PDB file of N, CA and C in Angstrom:
ATOM      1  N   MET A   1       0.817  -1.194   0.000  1.00  0.00           N
ATOM      2  CA  MET A   1       0.000   0.000   0.000  1.00  0.00           C
ATOM      3  C   MET A   1       0.863   1.262   0.000  1.00  0.00           C
ATOM      4  N   ILE A   2       1.925   1.252   0.784  1.00  0.00           N
ATOM      5  CA  ILE A   2       2.788   2.424   0.859  1.00  0.00           C
ATOM      6  C   ILE A   2       3.485   2.657  -0.477  1.00  0.00           C
ATOM      7  N   TRP A   3       3.861   1.585  -1.182  1.00  0.00           N
ATOM      8  CA  TRP A   3       4.546   1.748  -2.471  1.00  0.00           C
ATOM      9  C   TRP A   3       3.625   2.347  -3.512  1.00  0.00           C
ATOM     10  N   LYS A   4       2.320   2.098  -3.403  1.00  0.00           N
ATOM     11  CA  LYS A   4       1.378   2.713  -4.335  1.00  0.00           C
ATOM     12  C   LYS A   4       1.312   4.223  -4.126  1.00  0.00           C
ATOM     13  N   VAL A   5       1.302   4.647  -2.864  1.00  0.00           N
ATOM     14  CA  VAL A   5       1.293   6.070  -2.555  1.00  0.00           C
ATOM     15  C   VAL A   5       2.590   6.707  -3.036  1.00  0.00           C
ATOM     16  N   PHE A   6       3.704   6.011  -2.833  1.00  0.00           N
ATOM     17  CA  PHE A   6       4.998   6.507  -3.291  1.00  0.00           C
ATOM     18  C   PHE A   6       5.015   6.675  -4.806  1.00  0.00           C
ATOM     19  N   LEU A   7       4.498   5.696  -5.540  1.00  0.00           N
ATOM     20  CA  LEU A   7       4.446   5.796  -7.004  1.00  0.00           C
ATOM     21  C   LEU A   7       3.552   6.947  -7.462  1.00  0.00           C
ATOM     22  N   ILE A   8       2.442   7.129  -6.807  1.00  0.00           N
ATOM     23  CA  ILE A   8       1.546   8.226  -7.179  1.00  0.00           C
ATOM     24  C   ILE A   8       2.225   9.568  -6.937  1.00  0.00           C
ATOM     25  N   LEU A   9       2.879   9.718  -5.782  1.00  0.00           N
ATOM     26  CA  LEU A   9       3.604  10.959  -5.501  1.00  0.00           C
ATOM     27  C   LEU A   9       4.757  11.173  -6.475  1.00  0.00           C
ATOM     28  N   LEU A  10       5.432  10.079  -6.848  1.00  0.00           N
ATOM     29  CA  LEU A  10       6.530  10.176  -7.808  1.00  0.00           C
ATOM     30  C   LEU A  10       6.037  10.666  -9.158  1.00  0.00           C
ATOM     31  N   PHE A  11       4.913  10.143  -9.611  1.00  0.00           N
ATOM     32  CA  PHE A  11       4.374  10.579 -10.901  1.00  0.00           C
ATOM     33  C   PHE A  11       3.851  12.009 -10.851  1.00  0.00           C
ATOM     34  N   VAL A  12       3.270  12.401  -9.729  1.00  0.00           N
ATOM     35  CA  VAL A  12       2.719  13.747  -9.614  1.00  0.00           C
ATOM     36  C   VAL A  12       3.819  14.796  -9.552  1.00  0.00           C
ATOM     37  N   PHE A  13       4.844  14.550  -8.741  1.00  0.00           N
ATOM     38  CA  PHE A  13       5.885  15.555  -8.539  1.00  0.00           C
ATOM     39  C   PHE A  13       7.149  15.294  -9.362  1.00  0.00           C
ATOM     40  N   GLY A  14       7.398  14.064  -9.709  1.00  0.00           N
ATOM     41  CA  GLY A  14       8.634  13.730 -10.422  1.00  0.00           C
ATOM     42  C   GLY A  14       8.558  13.949 -11.918  1.00  0.00           C
ATOM     43  N   CYS A  15       7.389  14.016 -12.466  1.00  0.00           N
ATOM     44  CA  CYS A  15       7.244  14.150 -13.914  1.00  0.00           C
ATOM     45  C   CYS A  15       6.765  15.535 -14.316  1.00  0.00           C
ATOM     46  N   ASP A  16       7.127  16.521 -13.558  1.00  0.00           N
ATOM     47  CA  ASP A  16       6.733  17.889 -13.855  1.00  0.00           C
ATOM     48  C   ASP A  16       7.592  18.427 -14.992  1.00  0.00           C
ATOM     49  N   GLU A  17       6.998  18.716 -16.122  1.00  0.00           N
ATOM     50  CA  GLU A  17       7.726  19.185 -17.305  1.00  0.00           C
ATOM     51  C   GLU A  17       8.309  20.578 -17.119  1.00  0.00           C
ATOM     52  N   SER A  18       7.728  21.362 -16.217  1.00  0.00           N
ATOM     53  CA  SER A  18       8.233  22.720 -16.036  1.00  0.00           C
ATOM     54  C   SER A  18       9.583  22.736 -15.335  1.00  0.00           C
ATOM     55  N   GLN A  19       9.962  21.654 -14.696  1.00  0.00           N
ATOM     56  CA  GLN A  19      11.237  21.582 -13.995  1.00  0.00           C
ATOM     57  C   GLN A  19      12.409  21.320 -14.939  1.00  0.00           C
ATOM     58  N   LYS A  20      12.126  20.843 -16.125  1.00  0.00           N
ATOM     59  CA  LYS A  20      13.188  20.514 -17.069  1.00  0.00           C
ATOM     60  C   LYS A  20      13.707  21.785 -17.738  1.00  0.00           C
ATOM     61  N   VAL A  21      15.017  21.885 -17.820  1.00  0.00           N
ATOM     62  CA  VAL A  21      15.656  23.017 -18.484  1.00  0.00           C
ATOM     63  C   VAL A  21      16.246  22.491 -19.779  1.00  0.00           C
ATOM     64  N   SER A  22      15.776  23.009 -20.879  1.00  0.00           N
ATOM     65  CA  SER A  22      16.288  22.536 -22.169  1.00  0.00           C
ATOM     66  C   SER A  22      17.362  23.485 -22.674  1.00  0.00           C
ATOM     67  N   GLN A  23      18.447  22.895 -23.104  1.00  0.00           N
ATOM     68  CA  GLN A  23      19.549  23.654 -23.671  1.00  0.00           C
ATOM     69  C   GLN A  23      19.502  23.507 -25.191  1.00  0.00           C
ATOM     70  N   PRO A  24      19.698  24.586 -25.915  1.00  0.00           N
ATOM     71  CA  PRO A  24      19.731  24.450 -27.371  1.00  0.00           C
ATOM     72  C   PRO A  24      20.955  23.634 -27.788  1.00  0.00           C
ATOM     73  N   VAL A  25      20.733  22.720 -28.707  1.00  0.00           N
ATOM     74  CA  VAL A  25      21.804  21.866 -29.191  1.00  0.00           C
ATOM     75  C   VAL A  25      22.357  22.466 -30.471  1.00  0.00           C
ATOM     76  N   GLU A  26      23.625  22.808 -30.437  1.00  0.00           N
ATOM     77  CA  GLU A  26      24.272  23.382 -31.610  1.00  0.00           C
ATOM     78  C   GLU A  26      25.156  22.317 -32.235  1.00  0.00           C
ATOM     79  N   GLN A  27      24.858  21.959 -33.470  1.00  0.00           N
ATOM     80  CA  GLN A  27      25.653  20.959 -34.153  1.00  0.00           C
ATOM     81  C   GLN A  27      26.781  21.635 -34.911  1.00  0.00           C
ATOM     82  N   LYS A  28      27.956  21.068 -34.779  1.00  0.00           N
ATOM     83  CA  LYS A  28      29.108  21.604 -35.479  1.00  0.00           C
ATOM     84  C   LYS A  28      29.092  21.082 -36.917  1.00  0.00           C
ATOM     85  N   ILE A  29      29.426  21.947 -37.847  1.00  0.00           N
ATOM     86  CA  ILE A  29      29.452  21.572 -39.256  1.00  0.00           C
ATOM     87  C   ILE A  29      30.908  21.406 -39.682  1.00  0.00           C
ATOM     88  N   TYR A  30      31.212  20.250 -40.278  1.00  0.00           N
ATOM     89  CA  TYR A  30      32.547  19.935 -40.758  1.00  0.00           C
ATOM     90  C   TYR A  30      32.574  20.026 -42.276  1.00  0.00           C
ATOM     91  N   SER A  31      33.754  20.292 -42.817  1.00  0.00           N
ATOM     92  CA  SER A  31      33.932  20.351 -44.268  1.00  0.00           C
ATOM     93  C   SER A  31      34.826  19.210 -44.711  1.00  0.00           C
ATOM     94  N   ILE A  32      34.387  18.503 -45.737  1.00  0.00           N
ATOM     95  CA  ILE A  32      35.164  17.406 -46.310  1.00  0.00           C
ATOM     96  C   ILE A  32      35.251  17.646 -47.809  1.00  0.00           C
ATOM     97  N   ALA A  33      36.473  17.677 -48.327  1.00  0.00           N
ATOM     98  CA  ALA A  33      36.687  17.880 -49.763  1.00  0.00           C
ATOM     99  C   ALA A  33      36.858  16.525 -50.430  1.00  0.00           C
ATOM    100  N   CYS A  34      36.136  16.312 -51.517  1.00  0.00           N
ATOM    101  CA  CYS A  34      36.222  15.063 -52.276  1.00  0.00           C
ATOM    102  C   CYS A  34      36.411  15.384 -53.753  1.00  0.00           C
ATOM    103  N   GLU A  35      37.178  14.528 -54.418  1.00  0.00           N
ATOM    104  CA  GLU A  35      37.392  14.691 -55.849  1.00  0.00           C
ATOM    105  C   GLU A  35      36.328  13.901 -56.599  1.00  0.00           C
ATOM    106  N   GLY A  36      35.654  14.574 -57.493  1.00  0.00           N
ATOM    107  CA  GLY A  36      34.627  13.935 -58.296  1.00  0.00           C
ATOM    108  C   GLY A  36      34.929  14.091 -59.767  1.00  0.00           C
ATOM    109  N   PRO A  37      34.001  13.720 -60.628  1.00  0.00           N
ATOM    110  CA  PRO A  37      34.231  13.829 -62.064  1.00  0.00           C
ATOM    111  C   PRO A  37      34.401  15.270 -62.549  1.00  0.00           C
ATOM    112  N   ASP A  38      33.844  16.222 -61.808  1.00  0.00           N
ATOM    113  CA  ASP A  38      33.940  17.632 -62.191  1.00  0.00           C
ATOM    114  C   ASP A  38      35.005  18.390 -61.397  1.00  0.00           C
ATOM    115  N   GLY A  39      35.859  17.675 -60.690  1.00  0.00           N
ATOM    116  CA  GLY A  39      36.897  18.318 -59.895  1.00  0.00           C
ATOM    117  C   GLY A  39      36.607  18.187 -58.409  1.00  0.00           C
ATOM    118  N   TRP A  40      37.302  19.001 -57.615  1.00  0.00           N
ATOM    119  CA  TRP A  40      37.165  18.944 -56.168  1.00  0.00           C
ATOM    120  C   TRP A  40      35.925  19.701 -55.709  1.00  0.00           C
ATOM    121  N   VAL A  41      35.176  19.076 -54.795  1.00  0.00           N
ATOM    122  CA  VAL A  41      33.958  19.661 -54.244  1.00  0.00           C
ATOM    123  C   VAL A  41      34.056  19.579 -52.721  1.00  0.00           C
ATOM    124  N   ILE A  42      33.681  20.646 -52.043  1.00  0.00           N
ATOM    125  CA  ILE A  42      33.668  20.652 -50.581  1.00  0.00           C
ATOM    126  C   ILE A  42      32.242  20.390 -50.111  1.00  0.00           C
ATOM    127  N   HIS A  43      32.099  19.341 -49.293  1.00  0.00           N
ATOM    128  CA  HIS A  43      30.805  18.948 -48.748  1.00  0.00           C
ATOM    129  C   HIS A  43      30.755  19.340 -47.276  1.00  0.00           C
ATOM    130  N   LYS A  44      29.614  19.845 -46.841  1.00  0.00           N
ATOM    131  CA  LYS A  44      29.384  20.171 -45.435  1.00  0.00           C
ATOM    132  C   LYS A  44      28.617  19.023 -44.800  1.00  0.00           C
ATOM    133  N   THR A  45      29.067  18.604 -43.597  1.00  0.00           N
ATOM    134  CA  THR A  45      28.425  17.486 -42.919  1.00  0.00           C
ATOM    135  C   THR A  45      28.428  17.715 -41.417  1.00  0.00           C
ATOM    136  N   PHE A  46      27.505  17.051 -40.721  1.00  0.00           N
ATOM    137  CA  PHE A  46      27.461  17.108 -39.272  1.00  0.00           C
ATOM    138  C   PHE A  46      28.348  16.035 -38.651  1.00  0.00           C
ATOM    139  N   ASN A  47      28.794  15.049 -39.426  1.00  0.00           N
ATOM    140  CA  ASN A  47      29.600  13.938 -38.921  1.00  0.00           C
ATOM    141  C   ASN A  47      31.059  14.348 -38.804  1.00  0.00           C
ATOM    142  N   ASP A  48      31.692  13.952 -37.709  1.00  0.00           N
ATOM    143  CA  ASP A  48      33.093  14.256 -37.480  1.00  0.00           C
ATOM    144  C   ASP A  48      33.944  13.445 -38.458  1.00  0.00           C
ATOM    145  N   PRO A  49      34.744  14.087 -39.296  1.00  0.00           N
ATOM    146  CA  PRO A  49      35.531  13.338 -40.281  1.00  0.00           C
ATOM    147  C   PRO A  49      36.638  12.503 -39.648  1.00  0.00           C
ATOM    148  N   TYR A  50      37.033  12.833 -38.434  1.00  0.00           N
ATOM    149  CA  TYR A  50      38.088  12.061 -37.781  1.00  0.00           C
ATOM    150  C   TYR A  50      37.540  10.829 -37.083  1.00  0.00           C
ATOM    151  N   ASP A  51      36.227  10.734 -36.975  1.00  0.00           N
ATOM    152  CA  ASP A  51      35.580   9.555 -36.411  1.00  0.00           C
ATOM    153  C   ASP A  51      34.707   8.931 -37.495  1.00  0.00           C
ATOM    154  N   CYS A  52      35.312   8.744 -38.644  1.00  0.00           N
ATOM    155  CA  CYS A  52      34.570   8.328 -39.839  1.00  0.00           C
ATOM    156  C   CYS A  52      35.079   6.977 -40.332  1.00  0.00           C
ATOM    157  N   TYR A  53      34.165   6.148 -40.791  1.00  0.00           N
ATOM    158  CA  TYR A  53      34.556   4.843 -41.315  1.00  0.00           C
ATOM    159  C   TYR A  53      35.369   4.986 -42.599  1.00  0.00           C
ATOM    160  N   GLY A  54      35.151   6.039 -43.342  1.00  0.00           N
ATOM    161  CA  GLY A  54      35.833   6.222 -44.625  1.00  0.00           C
ATOM    162  C   GLY A  54      37.328   6.363 -44.500  1.00  0.00           C
ATOM    163  N   GLY A  55      37.781   6.922 -43.396  1.00  0.00           N
ATOM    164  CA  GLY A  55      39.214   7.055 -43.213  1.00  0.00           C
ATOM    165  C   GLY A  55      39.903   5.722 -43.005  1.00  0.00           C
ATOM    166  N   LYS A  56      39.160   4.703 -42.629  1.00  0.00           N
ATOM    167  CA  LYS A  56      39.739   3.384 -42.384  1.00  0.00           C
ATOM    168  C   LYS A  56      39.631   2.470 -43.596  1.00  0.00           C
ATOM    169  N   SER A  57      38.540   2.575 -44.340  1.00  0.00           N
ATOM    170  CA  SER A  57      38.319   1.647 -45.443  1.00  0.00           C
ATOM    171  C   SER A  57      38.750   2.205 -46.788  1.00  0.00           C
ATOM    172  N   GLY A  58      38.896   3.517 -46.888  1.00  0.00           N
ATOM    173  CA  GLY A  58      39.262   4.133 -48.160  1.00  0.00           C
ATOM    174  C   GLY A  58      38.076   4.707 -48.906  1.00  0.00           C
ATOM    175  N   VAL A  59      36.863   4.249 -48.594  1.00  0.00           N
ATOM    176  CA  VAL A  59      35.658   4.775 -49.243  1.00  0.00           C
ATOM    177  C   VAL A  59      34.914   5.617 -48.217  1.00  0.00           C
ATOM    178  N   TRP A  60      34.847   6.904 -48.491  1.00  0.00           N
ATOM    179  CA  TRP A  60      34.157   7.817 -47.582  1.00  0.00           C
ATOM    180  C   TRP A  60      32.671   7.800 -47.889  1.00  0.00           C
ATOM    181  N   ARG A  61      31.875   7.629 -46.862  1.00  0.00           N
ATOM    182  CA  ARG A  61      30.420   7.686 -46.975  1.00  0.00           C
ATOM    183  C   ARG A  61      29.971   8.902 -46.171  1.00  0.00           C
ATOM    184  N   ILE A  62      29.515   9.926 -46.846  1.00  0.00           N
ATOM    185  CA  ILE A  62      29.186  11.194 -46.211  1.00  0.00           C
ATOM    186  C   ILE A  62      27.716  11.504 -46.456  1.00  0.00           C
ATOM    187  N   ILE A  63      27.028  11.905 -45.401  1.00  0.00           N
ATOM    188  CA  ILE A  63      25.678  12.444 -45.530  1.00  0.00           C
ATOM    189  C   ILE A  63      25.818  13.945 -45.312  1.00  0.00           C
ATOM    190  N   THR A  64      25.519  14.724 -46.323  1.00  0.00           N
ATOM    191  CA  THR A  64      25.708  16.167 -46.247  1.00  0.00           C
ATOM    192  C   THR A  64      24.602  16.803 -45.408  1.00  0.00           C
ATOM    193  N   THR A  65      24.763  18.092 -45.127  1.00  0.00           N
ATOM    194  CA  THR A  65      23.754  18.814 -44.361  1.00  0.00           C
ATOM    195  C   THR A  65      22.442  18.948 -45.126  1.00  0.00           C
ATOM    196  N   GLU A  66      22.490  18.751 -46.442  1.00  0.00           N
ATOM    197  CA  GLU A  66      21.278  18.769 -47.264  1.00  0.00           C
ATOM    198  C   GLU A  66      20.703  17.368 -47.447  1.00  0.00           C
ATOM    199  N   SER A  67      21.209  16.383 -46.681  1.00  0.00           N
ATOM    200  CA  SER A  67      20.755  14.986 -46.690  1.00  0.00           C
ATOM    201  C   SER A  67      21.077  14.254 -47.985  1.00  0.00           C
ATOM    202  N   ALA A  68      22.111  14.672 -48.691  1.00  0.00           N
ATOM    203  CA  ALA A  68      22.550  13.963 -49.888  1.00  0.00           C
ATOM    204  C   ALA A  68      23.658  12.983 -49.499  1.00  0.00           C
ATOM    205  N   ALA A  69      23.647  11.804 -50.076  1.00  0.00           N
ATOM    206  CA  ALA A  69      24.671  10.791 -49.803  1.00  0.00           C
ATOM    207  C   ALA A  69      25.807  10.940 -50.810  1.00  0.00           C
ATOM    208  N   VAL A  70      27.047  10.953 -50.304  1.00  0.00           N
ATOM    209  CA  VAL A  70      28.235  11.081 -51.141  1.00  0.00           C
ATOM    210  C   VAL A  70      29.132   9.889 -50.842  1.00  0.00           C
ATOM    211  N   TYR A  71      29.569   9.189 -51.899  1.00  0.00           N
ATOM    212  CA  TYR A  71      30.500   8.075 -51.779  1.00  0.00           C
ATOM    213  C   TYR A  71      31.711   8.407 -52.637  1.00  0.00           C
ATOM    214  N   SER A  72      32.879   8.448 -52.008  1.00  0.00           N
ATOM    215  CA  SER A  72      34.088   8.774 -52.752  1.00  0.00           C
ATOM    216  C   SER A  72      35.285   8.152 -52.058  1.00  0.00           C
ATOM    217  N   ASN A  73      36.335   7.901 -52.826  1.00  0.00           N
ATOM    218  CA  ASN A  73      37.530   7.315 -52.222  1.00  0.00           C
ATOM    219  C   ASN A  73      38.694   8.293 -52.175  1.00  0.00           C
ATOM    220  N   ASN A  74      38.526   9.500 -52.660  1.00  0.00           N
ATOM    221  CA  ASN A  74      39.595  10.476 -52.633  1.00  0.00           C
ATOM    222  C   ASN A  74      39.089  11.729 -51.921  1.00  0.00           C
ATOM    223  N   CYS A  75      39.107  11.681 -50.582  1.00  0.00           N
ATOM    224  CA  CYS A  75      38.586  12.770 -49.767  1.00  0.00           C
ATOM    225  C   CYS A  75      39.580  13.120 -48.672  1.00  0.00           C
ATOM    226  N   TYR A  76      39.436  14.324 -48.157  1.00  0.00           N
ATOM    227  CA  TYR A  76      40.212  14.728 -46.982  1.00  0.00           C
ATOM    228  C   TYR A  76      39.411  15.763 -46.212  1.00  0.00           C
ATOM    229  N   SER A  77      39.734  15.877 -44.939  1.00  0.00           N
ATOM    230  CA  SER A  77      39.047  16.839 -44.082  1.00  0.00           C
ATOM    231  C   SER A  77      39.650  18.214 -44.275  1.00  0.00           C
ATOM    232  N   VAL A  78      38.801  19.222 -44.331  1.00  0.00           N
ATOM    233  CA  VAL A  78      39.237  20.593 -44.490  1.00  0.00           C
ATOM    234  C   VAL A  78      39.157  21.277 -43.138  1.00  0.00           C
ATOM    235  N   VAL A  79      40.286  21.801 -42.656  1.00  0.00           N
ATOM    236  CA  VAL A  79      40.298  22.550 -41.406  1.00  0.00           C
ATOM    237  C   VAL A  79      40.081  24.013 -41.734  1.00  0.00           C
ATOM    238  N   GLU A  80      38.980  24.557 -41.219  1.00  0.00           N
ATOM    239  CA  GLU A  80      38.667  25.949 -41.484  1.00  0.00           C
ATOM    240  C   GLU A  80      39.327  26.831 -40.435  1.00  0.00           C
ATOM    241  N   GLU A  81      39.581  28.059 -40.776  1.00  0.00           N
ATOM    242  CA  GLU A  81      40.217  28.994 -39.847  1.00  0.00           C
ATOM    243  C   GLU A  81      39.349  29.179 -38.609  1.00  0.00           C
ATOM    244  N   GLY A  82      40.001  29.157 -37.460  1.00  0.00           N
ATOM    245  CA  GLY A  82      39.280  29.301 -36.195  1.00  0.00           C
ATOM    246  C   GLY A  82      38.868  27.990 -35.594  1.00  0.00           C
ATOM    247  N   ASN A  83      38.973  26.872 -36.313  1.00  0.00           N
ATOM    248  CA  ASN A  83      38.567  25.574 -35.803  1.00  0.00           C
ATOM    249  C   ASN A  83      39.744  24.644 -35.554  1.00  0.00           C
ATOM    250  N   GLU A  84      40.978  25.146 -35.579  1.00  0.00           N
ATOM    251  CA  GLU A  84      42.128  24.275 -35.455  1.00  0.00           C
ATOM    252  C   GLU A  84      42.233  23.629 -34.088  1.00  0.00           C
ATOM    253  N   ASN A  85      41.812  24.333 -33.051  1.00  0.00           N
ATOM    254  CA  ASN A  85      41.990  23.837 -31.685  1.00  0.00           C
ATOM    255  C   ASN A  85      40.741  23.180 -31.126  1.00  0.00           C
ATOM    256  N   GLU A  86      39.710  23.014 -31.880  1.00  0.00           N
ATOM    257  CA  GLU A  86      38.453  22.433 -31.366  1.00  0.00           C
ATOM    258  C   GLU A  86      38.462  20.946 -31.550  1.00  0.00           C
TER     259      GLU A  86
END
């Protein structure tokens, strides 16, 4: 009986949505340059290029910020000014 009262109090006071503080999530955008049939193209992505499967297998699989899939084997990460120490 006591556990039922405890559960009711937990749901009433523990699940108050006004107590939650939401922080805006800022996604970092990375640049990856790949060579294609028309020359070198820089793709913007949310995925960290240093934690990427493409660097290990040779075939880079990139989902761009516009949700386009890019598959290439001649790519490298572009370090933009101001992001060297991040």
